[in-house]
Each structure stands twice: as structure tokens, then as C-alpha cells.
Amino acid sequence: VENDAGAGIKELANLVKRPTCSTCGTIKRYQFNRVAWENKYDVMATGHNLDDEAERLLGNVLQWQEEYLQKQSPTLPASVEGFSKKVKPLYRMTEREIAAYAVVNRIDYLVEECPMAKGAKMLVYKDALNRLEMESPGTKHRFYYGFLEKQKKAAASSHHSMTDIDQTTLLPCETCGQPTTAGTCSFCRMMARAKSPTR
């Protein structure tokens, strides 16, 4: 990122006045999608687990992020030109189960939280869900799977799918060509801000 924009993630976050974790996420999603599309990969798999999905769901519900709730799913179809299909094969497994598998099979993995996550609300949601899980085992599973079931019923009753939604709201970015809901995608706006002489 620093080579392309002349600024690191923390500096970019300050420039666009967004949390560091959110800025990093925008860059990560853009680069993942760019690599998948340029290499003509049909499917892009990420390592999101049950903890990740439950945390994200809690945050989206507390903030009533309806657009994000509509799109939160273990699979997202390649619904428009420029997007590969996305899957989360580990969404049924908890972070601890994955860590246990890694230990038993002598697979090295990172234990520390991402340094960019400092101050992120997701850490608060994670702590809250862990406390609830300790008091009532299975909370994360019931919360997330209950949501997926409700989501499935709502989609069936409205006769809409993610494909319908994406096709009506996404257009190619004027700068890079990747799908976006605006004229210019958030990544390209960020890069333009970083390269601006008046930044």
C-alpha cells in the first residue's frame, strides 16, 4: 500500500477520517477481489470463522446496518462482472476449534490480534459474545444460524436474492473498473486522496 499510495494504512486512515481497521478492510477486500478477477479465479475462499461472523452480525445489528445485514452470508454469488464468487468454508467452526486443529496437526498460526484492530469495536463485540458464550454455551451458533435461517425465509418470501440486489446497485468504478455503488469506489477515492498534493 505504501508503495502505491505513498502512505501507510494508519496515515491513510487519518486522511480519510476512518478507523484504521475499517481502512485496512477496504484495502484488503479490494486487493483480494482484484487478484481473483485478474487471475480469473471462479471462487475466492476466506478464513472467516463462526466467531468472526457472529461478531460482525452483532455489530451490524447494533448499528442497524441493513445493507450489510442483507449481504452477510457464508457464500456470495459472482453476481456481477468484476466479482468472483466468495465462500467462507470455516464459518461453522469456532476460533478455538480451528486453533485446536492447528495445534494437534502442528500447524503454525498467529495468536496475536491484528495490530490494526486496536480500538476497533469488533474487539468489544468479540468480548461480549465470549462472555455470553461462557454463560450460555452455543450462543454464537444460535445467534448466527438463527440469522441465516431468518435471512433465507425473508429472501424466499420476497423472491429476491443477492444476485438481484447486486445487479441493481453495482456499477463499474470509473477509475479501476471494479464494481461499486458509487461512481468511484472507496479504494480509488482513498488512493486519490493519498496522492493529492493538498492532502
C-alpha atoms as a PDB file:
ATOM      1  CA  VAL A   1       0.000   0.000   0.000  1.00  0.00           C
ATOM      2  CA  GLU A   2       2.772   2.414   0.915  1.00  0.00           C
ATOM      3  CA  ASN A   3       4.455   1.825  -2.465  1.00  0.00           C
ATOM      4  CA  ASP A   4       1.232   2.580  -4.360  1.00  0.00           C
ATOM      5  CA  ALA A   5      -0.132   5.428  -2.270  1.00  0.00           C
ATOM      6  CA  GLY A   6       2.958   6.885  -0.640  1.00  0.00           C
ATOM      7  CA  ALA A   7       1.270   6.392   2.727  1.00  0.00           C
ATOM      8  CA  GLY A   8       0.805   3.552   5.188  1.00  0.00           C
ATOM      9  CA  ILE A   9      -2.547   2.276   6.439  1.00  0.00           C
ATOM     10  CA  LYS A  10      -2.538   4.419   9.583  1.00  0.00           C
ATOM     11  CA  GLU A  11      -1.797   7.578   7.601  1.00  0.00           C
ATOM     12  CA  LEU A  12      -4.499   6.686   5.074  1.00  0.00           C
ATOM     13  CA  ALA A  13      -6.976   6.178   7.917  1.00  0.00           C
ATOM     14  CA  ASN A  14      -6.203   9.665   9.224  1.00  0.00           C
ATOM     15  CA  LEU A  15      -6.558  11.159   5.740  1.00  0.00           C
ATOM     16  CA  VAL A  16      -9.992   9.660   5.117  1.00  0.00           C
ATOM     17  CA  LYS A  17     -11.041  10.037   8.773  1.00  0.00           C
ATOM     18  CA  ARG A  18     -11.951   6.385   9.196  1.00  0.00           C
ATOM     19  CA  PRO A  19     -10.886   3.811  11.812  1.00  0.00           C
ATOM     20  CA  THR A  20      -7.634   2.009  10.981  1.00  0.00           C
ATOM     21  CA  CYS A  21      -9.352  -1.402  10.976  1.00  0.00           C
ATOM     22  CA  SER A  22     -12.018  -0.171   8.546  1.00  0.00           C
ATOM     23  CA  THR A  23      -9.416   1.373   6.231  1.00  0.00           C
ATOM     24  CA  CYS A  24      -7.378  -1.834   6.233  1.00  0.00           C
ATOM     25  CA  GLY A  25     -10.537  -3.836   5.455  1.00  0.00           C
ATOM     26  CA  THR A  26     -11.319  -1.672   2.421  1.00  0.00           C
ATOM     27  CA  ILE A  27      -7.805  -2.176   1.059  1.00  0.00           C
ATOM     28  CA  LYS A  28      -7.829  -5.911   1.794  1.00  0.00           C
ATOM     29  CA  ARG A  29     -11.184  -6.537   0.083  1.00  0.00           C
ATOM     30  CA  TYR A  30     -10.141  -4.519  -2.952  1.00  0.00           C
ATOM     31  CA  GLN A  31      -6.845  -6.384  -3.363  1.00  0.00           C
ATOM     32  CA  PHE A  32      -8.430  -9.809  -2.794  1.00  0.00           C
ATOM     33  CA  ASN A  33     -11.054  -9.114  -5.438  1.00  0.00           C
ATOM     34  CA  ARG A  34      -8.537  -7.594  -7.855  1.00  0.00           C
ATOM     35  CA  VAL A  35      -6.227 -10.626  -7.681  1.00  0.00           C
ATOM     36  CA  ALA A  36      -9.142 -13.069  -8.010  1.00  0.00           C
ATOM     37  CA  TRP A  37     -10.559 -11.251 -11.025  1.00  0.00           C
ATOM     38  CA  GLU A  38      -7.252 -10.640 -12.818  1.00  0.00           C
ATOM     39  CA  ASN A  39      -6.324 -14.314 -12.450  1.00  0.00           C
ATOM     40  CA  LYS A  40      -9.826 -15.431 -13.485  1.00  0.00           C
ATOM     41  CA  TYR A  41     -10.449 -17.377 -10.272  1.00  0.00           C
ATOM     42  CA  ASP A  42     -14.046 -18.583 -10.154  1.00  0.00           C
ATOM     43  CA  VAL A  43     -14.161 -18.682  -6.354  1.00  0.00           C
ATOM     44  CA  MET A  44     -12.382 -16.793  -3.586  1.00  0.00           C
ATOM     45  CA  ALA A  45     -12.264 -18.519  -0.170  1.00  0.00           C
ATOM     46  CA  THR A  46     -11.546 -16.633   3.062  1.00  0.00           C
ATOM     47  CA  GLY A  47     -10.834 -17.934   6.556  1.00  0.00           C
ATOM     48  CA  HIS A  48     -13.747 -16.293   8.389  1.00  0.00           C
ATOM     49  CA  ASN A  49     -14.985 -18.484  11.241  1.00  0.00           C
ATOM     50  CA  LEU A  50     -18.087 -18.590  13.454  1.00  0.00           C
ATOM     51  CA  ASP A  51     -16.603 -16.060  15.885  1.00  0.00           C
ATOM     52  CA  ASP A  52     -15.888 -13.616  13.042  1.00  0.00           C
ATOM     53  CA  GLU A  53     -19.366 -13.935  11.588  1.00  0.00           C
ATOM     54  CA  ALA A  54     -21.144 -13.650  14.952  1.00  0.00           C
ATOM     55  CA  GLU A  55     -19.085 -10.545  15.851  1.00  0.00           C
ATOM     56  CA  ARG A  56     -19.853  -8.947  12.521  1.00  0.00           C
ATOM     57  CA  LEU A  57     -23.541  -9.794  12.850  1.00  0.00           C
ATOM     58  CA  LEU A  58     -23.728  -8.274  16.335  1.00  0.00           C
ATOM     59  CA  GLY A  59     -22.094  -5.074  15.089  1.00  0.00           C
ATOM     60  CA  ASN A  60     -24.416  -4.847  12.093  1.00  0.00           C
ATOM     61  CA  VAL A  61     -27.494  -5.410  14.269  1.00  0.00           C
ATOM     62  CA  LEU A  62     -26.453  -2.866  16.913  1.00  0.00           C
ATOM     63  CA  GLN A  63     -25.817  -0.248  14.204  1.00  0.00           C
ATOM     64  CA  TRP A  64     -28.835  -1.388  12.106  1.00  0.00           C
ATOM     65  CA  GLN A  65     -26.651  -1.707   9.031  1.00  0.00           C
ATOM     66  CA  GLU A  66     -29.403  -3.108   6.827  1.00  0.00           C
ATOM     67  CA  GLU A  67     -27.303  -3.174   3.656  1.00  0.00           C
ATOM     68  CA  TYR A  68     -24.577  -5.203   5.381  1.00  0.00           C
ATOM     69  CA  LEU A  69     -27.122  -7.500   7.048  1.00  0.00           C
ATOM     70  CA  GLN A  70     -28.619  -8.187   3.642  1.00  0.00           C
ATOM     71  CA  LYS A  71     -25.234  -9.251   2.290  1.00  0.00           C
ATOM     72  CA  GLN A  72     -23.883 -11.195   5.283  1.00  0.00           C
ATOM     73  CA  SER A  73     -23.719 -14.812   4.174  1.00  0.00           C
ATOM     74  CA  PRO A  74     -21.303 -17.785   4.063  1.00  0.00           C
ATOM     75  CA  THR A  75     -21.479 -17.532   0.261  1.00  0.00           C
ATOM     76  CA  LEU A  76     -21.882 -14.598  -2.107  1.00  0.00           C
ATOM     77  CA  PRO A  77     -22.504 -15.346  -5.779  1.00  0.00           C
ATOM     78  CA  ALA A  78     -20.459 -13.936  -8.633  1.00  0.00           C
ATOM     79  CA  SER A  79     -23.444 -11.762  -9.362  1.00  0.00           C
ATOM     80  CA  VAL A  80     -21.896  -9.017 -11.478  1.00  0.00           C
ATOM     81  CA  GLU A  81     -18.976  -8.606 -13.869  1.00  0.00           C
ATOM     82  CA  GLY A  82     -15.865  -7.997 -11.772  1.00  0.00           C
ATOM     83  CA  PHE A  83     -16.778 -10.101  -8.742  1.00  0.00           C
ATOM     84  CA  SER A  84     -15.703 -13.700  -8.172  1.00  0.00           C
ATOM     85  CA  LYS A  85     -17.891 -15.939  -6.035  1.00  0.00           C
ATOM     86  CA  LYS A  86     -16.953 -15.664  -2.337  1.00  0.00           C
ATOM     87  CA  VAL A  87     -17.130 -18.533   0.154  1.00  0.00           C
ATOM     88  CA  LYS A  88     -16.308 -18.913   3.844  1.00  0.00           C
ATOM     89  CA  PRO A  89     -15.699 -22.653   4.321  1.00  0.00           C
ATOM     90  CA  LEU A  90     -14.804 -22.323   8.028  1.00  0.00           C
ATOM     91  CA  TYR A  91     -17.927 -20.411   9.104  1.00  0.00           C
ATOM     92  CA  ARG A  92     -19.270 -23.375  11.104  1.00  0.00           C
ATOM     93  CA  MET A  93     -16.105 -23.647  13.217  1.00  0.00           C
ATOM     94  CA  THR A  94     -15.146 -21.507  16.197  1.00  0.00           C
ATOM     95  CA  GLU A  95     -11.790 -19.807  16.557  1.00  0.00           C
ATOM     96  CA  ARG A  96     -10.869 -22.237  19.352  1.00  0.00           C
ATOM     97  CA  GLU A  97     -11.735 -25.296  17.271  1.00  0.00           C
ATOM     98  CA  ILE A  98      -9.527 -24.069  14.433  1.00  0.00           C
ATOM     99  CA  ALA A  99      -6.695 -23.299  16.867  1.00  0.00           C
ATOM    100  CA  ALA A 100      -7.034 -26.781  18.404  1.00  0.00           C
ATOM    101  CA  TYR A 101      -6.843 -28.366  14.944  1.00  0.00           C
ATOM    102  CA  ALA A 102      -3.713 -26.341  14.188  1.00  0.00           C
ATOM    103  CA  VAL A 103      -2.050 -27.409  17.457  1.00  0.00           C
ATOM    104  CA  VAL A 104      -2.881 -31.110  17.008  1.00  0.00           C
ATOM    105  CA  ASN A 105      -1.580 -31.054  13.438  1.00  0.00           C
ATOM    106  CA  ARG A 106       1.452 -28.891  14.284  1.00  0.00           C
ATOM    107  CA  ILE A 107       0.402 -26.057  12.010  1.00  0.00           C
ATOM    108  CA  ASP A 108       1.850 -22.663  12.891  1.00  0.00           C
ATOM    109  CA  TYR A 109      -0.706 -19.879  13.275  1.00  0.00           C
ATOM    110  CA  LEU A 110      -0.828 -16.311  14.558  1.00  0.00           C
ATOM    111  CA  VAL A 111      -2.019 -15.927  18.140  1.00  0.00           C
ATOM    112  CA  GLU A 112      -1.857 -12.139  18.440  1.00  0.00           C
ATOM    113  CA  GLU A 113      -4.686  -9.836  17.410  1.00  0.00           C
ATOM    114  CA  CYS A 114      -4.019  -7.761  14.311  1.00  0.00           C
ATOM    115  CA  PRO A 115      -2.160  -4.571  15.308  1.00  0.00           C
ATOM    116  CA  MET A 116      -4.554  -2.597  13.108  1.00  0.00           C
ATOM    117  CA  ALA A 117      -7.505  -3.761  15.232  1.00  0.00           C
ATOM    118  CA  LYS A 118      -6.530  -1.646  18.249  1.00  0.00           C
ATOM    119  CA  GLY A 119      -9.578   0.354  19.316  1.00  0.00           C
ATOM    120  CA  ALA A 120     -11.877  -1.440  16.861  1.00  0.00           C
ATOM    121  CA  LYS A 121     -15.453  -2.009  18.018  1.00  0.00           C
ATOM    122  CA  MET A 122     -15.221  -5.597  16.782  1.00  0.00           C
ATOM    123  CA  LEU A 123     -12.988  -6.391  19.772  1.00  0.00           C
ATOM    124  CA  VAL A 124     -15.755  -5.159  22.083  1.00  0.00           C
ATOM    125  CA  TYR A 125     -18.322  -7.313  20.274  1.00  0.00           C
ATOM    126  CA  LYS A 126     -15.940 -10.269  20.446  1.00  0.00           C
ATOM    127  CA  ASP A 127     -15.522  -9.872  24.208  1.00  0.00           C
ATOM    128  CA  ALA A 128     -19.288  -9.544  24.727  1.00  0.00           C
ATOM    129  CA  LEU A 129     -20.008 -12.699  22.729  1.00  0.00           C
ATOM    130  CA  ASN A 130     -17.278 -14.636  24.542  1.00  0.00           C
ATOM    131  CA  ARG A 131     -18.845 -13.683  27.883  1.00  0.00           C
ATOM    132  CA  LEU A 132     -22.275 -14.745  26.670  1.00  0.00           C
ATOM    133  CA  GLU A 133     -20.829 -17.998  25.336  1.00  0.00           C
ATOM    134  CA  MET A 134     -19.292 -18.775  28.741  1.00  0.00           C
ATOM    135  CA  GLU A 135     -22.619 -18.219  30.499  1.00  0.00           C
ATOM    136  CA  SER A 136     -24.706 -19.910  27.819  1.00  0.00           C
ATOM    137  CA  PRO A 137     -22.732 -22.305  25.578  1.00  0.00           C
ATOM    138  CA  GLY A 138     -23.940 -22.317  21.988  1.00  0.00           C
ATOM    139  CA  THR A 139     -24.900 -18.623  21.968  1.00  0.00           C
ATOM    140  CA  LYS A 140     -22.735 -17.788  18.954  1.00  0.00           C
ATOM    141  CA  HIS A 141     -24.089 -20.725  16.989  1.00  0.00           C
ATOM    142  CA  ARG A 142     -27.742 -19.932  17.807  1.00  0.00           C
ATOM    143  CA  PHE A 143     -27.276 -16.237  17.079  1.00  0.00           C
ATOM    144  CA  TYR A 144     -25.622 -16.643  13.691  1.00  0.00           C
ATOM    145  CA  TYR A 145     -27.532 -19.689  12.465  1.00  0.00           C
ATOM    146  CA  GLY A 146     -30.810 -18.141  13.602  1.00  0.00           C
ATOM    147  CA  PHE A 147     -29.971 -15.104  11.494  1.00  0.00           C
ATOM    148  CA  LEU A 148     -29.149 -17.232   8.435  1.00  0.00           C
ATOM    149  CA  GLU A 149     -32.462 -19.067   8.775  1.00  0.00           C
ATOM    150  CA  LYS A 150     -34.435 -15.805   9.033  1.00  0.00           C
ATOM    151  CA  GLN A 151     -32.483 -14.402   6.095  1.00  0.00           C
ATOM    152  CA  LYS A 152     -33.305 -17.451   3.971  1.00  0.00           C
ATOM    153  CA  LYS A 153     -37.031 -17.161   4.742  1.00  0.00           C
ATOM    154  CA  ALA A 154     -37.053 -13.420   4.004  1.00  0.00           C
ATOM    155  CA  ALA A 155     -35.325 -13.965   0.650  1.00  0.00           C
ATOM    156  CA  ALA A 156     -37.801 -16.698  -0.274  1.00  0.00           C
ATOM    157  CA  SER A 157     -40.850 -14.594   0.613  1.00  0.00           C
ATOM    158  CA  SER A 158     -39.600 -11.513  -1.264  1.00  0.00           C
ATOM    159  CA  HIS A 159     -38.369 -13.541  -4.272  1.00  0.00           C
ATOM    160  CA  HIS A 160     -35.095 -11.595  -4.186  1.00  0.00           C
ATOM    161  CA  SER A 161     -31.555 -12.867  -3.937  1.00  0.00           C
ATOM    162  CA  MET A 162     -28.118 -11.301  -3.555  1.00  0.00           C
ATOM    163  CA  THR A 163     -27.821 -11.546  -7.330  1.00  0.00           C
ATOM    164  CA  ASP A 164     -30.882  -9.325  -7.822  1.00  0.00           C
ATOM    165  CA  ILE A 165     -29.601  -6.774  -5.315  1.00  0.00           C
ATOM    166  CA  ASP A 166     -26.096  -6.555  -6.762  1.00  0.00           C
ATOM    167  CA  GLN A 167     -27.256  -6.225 -10.347  1.00  0.00           C
ATOM    168  CA  THR A 168     -29.436  -3.233  -9.499  1.00  0.00           C
ATOM    169  CA  THR A 169     -26.956  -1.328  -7.313  1.00  0.00           C
ATOM    170  CA  LEU A 170     -23.429  -2.010  -8.594  1.00  0.00           C
ATOM    171  CA  LEU A 171     -21.682  -0.290 -11.491  1.00  0.00           C
ATOM    172  CA  PRO A 172     -18.044  -0.346 -12.671  1.00  0.00           C
ATOM    173  CA  CYS A 173     -15.757   2.115 -10.878  1.00  0.00           C
ATOM    174  CA  GLU A 174     -14.807   4.966 -13.227  1.00  0.00           C
ATOM    175  CA  THR A 175     -11.150   4.595 -12.216  1.00  0.00           C
ATOM    176  CA  CYS A 176     -10.406   0.879 -11.792  1.00  0.00           C
ATOM    177  CA  GLY A 177     -13.473  -0.855 -13.217  1.00  0.00           C
ATOM    178  CA  GLN A 178     -14.283  -2.874 -10.095  1.00  0.00           C
ATOM    179  CA  PRO A 179     -17.956  -2.997  -9.037  1.00  0.00           C
ATOM    180  CA  THR A 180     -19.102  -0.175  -6.762  1.00  0.00           C
ATOM    181  CA  THR A 181     -22.290   1.552  -5.634  1.00  0.00           C
ATOM    182  CA  ALA A 182     -20.732   4.972  -6.365  1.00  0.00           C
ATOM    183  CA  GLY A 183     -19.105   6.478  -9.427  1.00  0.00           C
ATOM    184  CA  THR A 184     -15.675   5.856  -7.930  1.00  0.00           C
ATOM    185  CA  CYS A 185     -15.035   3.023  -5.454  1.00  0.00           C
ATOM    186  CA  SER A 186     -13.890   3.756  -1.896  1.00  0.00           C
ATOM    187  CA  PHE A 187     -10.416   2.313  -2.573  1.00  0.00           C
ATOM    188  CA  CYS A 188      -9.796   4.618  -5.545  1.00  0.00           C
ATOM    189  CA  ARG A 189     -11.127   7.621  -3.622  1.00  0.00           C
ATOM    190  CA  MET A 190      -8.718   6.757  -0.831  1.00  0.00           C
ATOM    191  CA  MET A 191      -5.782   6.447  -3.228  1.00  0.00           C
ATOM    192  CA  ALA A 192      -6.674   9.760  -4.891  1.00  0.00           C
ATOM    193  CA  ARG A 193      -6.764  11.456  -1.503  1.00  0.00           C
ATOM    194  CA  ALA A 194      -3.379   9.984  -0.578  1.00  0.00           C
ATOM    195  CA  LYS A 195      -1.796  11.182  -3.828  1.00  0.00           C
ATOM    196  CA  SER A 196      -3.348  14.643  -3.689  1.00  0.00           C
ATOM    197  CA  PRO A 197      -0.746  17.424  -3.306  1.00  0.00           C
ATOM    198  CA  THR A 198      -3.054  19.173  -0.819  1.00  0.00           C
ATOM    199  CA  ARG A 199      -3.529  16.191   1.456  1.00  0.00           C
END
